[in-house]
């Protein structure tokens, strides 16, 4: 599905329009048909597209949150632990951040 033109277009619209996850969750068939300019898809396909777009939006939000955290903590970490590294992840639907003070093992 990641290569389907409708999915790509919906994802581009959501990311380019700075849509939120709730906006995508509430997207109805007729609204999606208007956005995509076609009704040649099913409600099931729309739901699958929405799930994929939501994953992309979560990744976008997680990356933005990670950058904000890095900027906030960077000065202190750079001064006290010059080799620090951080990464983000998601477990059980919940995001987390791991910081290694002396570099990644």
Protein backbone atom coordinates (compact mmCIF):
# COMPACT_ATOMS: atom_id res chain seq x y z
CA UNK A 1 0.00 0.00 0.00
CA UNK A 2 2.93 2.36 0.63
CA UNK A 3 3.36 2.64 -3.15
CA UNK A 4 -0.30 3.23 -3.98
CA UNK A 5 -0.86 6.70 -5.49
CA UNK A 6 -3.85 7.44 -3.21
CA UNK A 7 -1.83 6.58 -0.11
CA UNK A 8 1.11 8.70 -1.26
CA UNK A 9 -1.20 11.63 -2.02
CA UNK A 10 -3.04 11.39 1.32
CA UNK A 11 0.26 11.15 3.18
CA UNK A 12 1.64 14.17 1.30
CA UNK A 13 -1.51 16.17 2.04
CA UNK A 14 -1.38 15.27 5.74
CA UNK A 15 2.32 16.01 6.16
CA UNK A 16 2.30 19.09 3.94
CA UNK A 17 -0.83 20.49 5.57
CA UNK A 18 0.56 19.85 9.05
CA UNK A 19 -2.44 17.66 9.90
CA UNK A 20 -2.77 16.22 13.37
CA UNK A 21 -3.41 12.58 14.17
CA UNK A 22 -6.97 13.32 15.29
CA UNK A 23 -7.73 15.06 12.00
CA UNK A 24 -6.69 11.94 10.11
CA UNK A 25 -8.63 9.66 12.47
CA UNK A 26 -11.80 11.72 11.88
CA UNK A 27 -11.38 11.75 8.10
CA UNK A 28 -14.52 10.37 6.47
CA UNK A 29 -14.89 8.70 3.10
CA UNK A 30 -16.42 11.73 1.36
CA UNK A 31 -13.77 14.06 2.76
CA UNK A 32 -11.02 11.70 1.61
CA UNK A 33 -12.65 11.40 -1.82
CA UNK A 34 -12.65 15.19 -2.13
CA UNK A 35 -8.99 15.41 -1.07
CA UNK A 36 -7.91 12.62 -3.41
CA UNK A 37 -10.15 13.67 -6.28
CA UNK A 38 -11.53 10.15 -6.69
CA UNK A 39 -13.96 7.68 -5.19
CA UNK A 40 -12.14 4.63 -6.56
CA UNK A 41 -11.34 3.13 -3.16
CA UNK A 42 -13.18 1.37 -0.38
CA UNK A 43 -13.80 2.30 3.24
CA UNK A 44 -11.46 -0.54 4.25
CA UNK A 45 -8.73 0.86 2.03
CA UNK A 46 -9.31 4.32 3.52
CA UNK A 47 -8.94 2.89 7.04
CA UNK A 48 -5.69 1.20 6.03
CA UNK A 49 -4.44 4.43 4.48
CA UNK A 50 -5.34 6.34 7.63
CA UNK A 51 -3.38 3.85 9.78
CA UNK A 52 -0.32 4.28 7.58
CA UNK A 53 -0.60 8.08 7.57
CA UNK A 54 -1.00 8.10 11.36
CA UNK A 55 2.25 6.13 11.70
CA UNK A 56 3.96 8.76 9.53
CA UNK A 57 2.48 11.60 11.58
CA UNK A 58 3.62 9.94 14.81
CA UNK A 59 7.12 9.63 13.40
CA UNK A 60 7.03 13.30 12.40
CA UNK A 61 5.85 14.31 15.87
CA UNK A 62 8.36 12.02 17.59
CA UNK A 63 11.19 13.51 15.52
CA UNK A 64 10.06 17.05 16.34
CA UNK A 65 9.82 16.21 20.04
CA UNK A 66 13.27 14.63 19.94
CA UNK A 67 14.75 17.72 18.32
CA UNK A 68 13.09 19.96 20.92
CA UNK A 69 14.44 17.80 23.73
CA UNK A 70 17.91 17.81 22.20
CA UNK A 71 17.90 21.59 21.88
CA UNK A 72 16.70 22.09 25.45
CA UNK A 73 19.15 19.65 27.00
CA UNK A 74 22.02 20.09 24.52
CA UNK A 75 23.83 22.95 26.25
CA UNK A 76 23.91 21.16 29.60
CA UNK A 77 24.84 17.80 28.12
CA UNK A 78 27.54 19.32 25.90
CA UNK A 79 29.08 21.08 28.88
CA UNK A 80 29.03 18.02 31.16
CA UNK A 81 29.08 15.01 28.81
CA UNK A 82 30.57 15.95 25.42
CA UNK A 83 30.17 12.41 23.99
CA UNK A 84 26.45 12.01 24.82
CA UNK A 85 24.02 10.46 22.35
CA UNK A 86 20.24 10.11 22.33
CA UNK A 87 17.68 8.10 20.41
CA UNK A 88 13.93 7.77 20.38
CA UNK A 89 11.72 4.74 20.12
CA UNK A 90 8.22 3.49 20.65
CA UNK A 91 7.23 0.47 22.72
CA UNK A 92 3.65 -0.62 23.20
CA UNK A 93 2.47 2.55 21.47
CA UNK A 94 4.31 4.77 23.94
CA UNK A 95 7.30 6.89 22.95
CA UNK A 96 10.53 6.85 24.93
CA UNK A 97 13.93 8.52 24.78
CA UNK A 98 17.24 6.92 25.74
CA UNK A 99 20.26 9.10 26.54
CA UNK A 100 23.77 7.68 26.81
CA UNK A 101 26.00 10.10 28.69
CA UNK A 102 29.29 8.63 27.49
CA UNK A 103 28.30 7.49 24.02
CA UNK A 104 26.24 4.57 22.81
CA UNK A 105 27.51 1.17 23.98
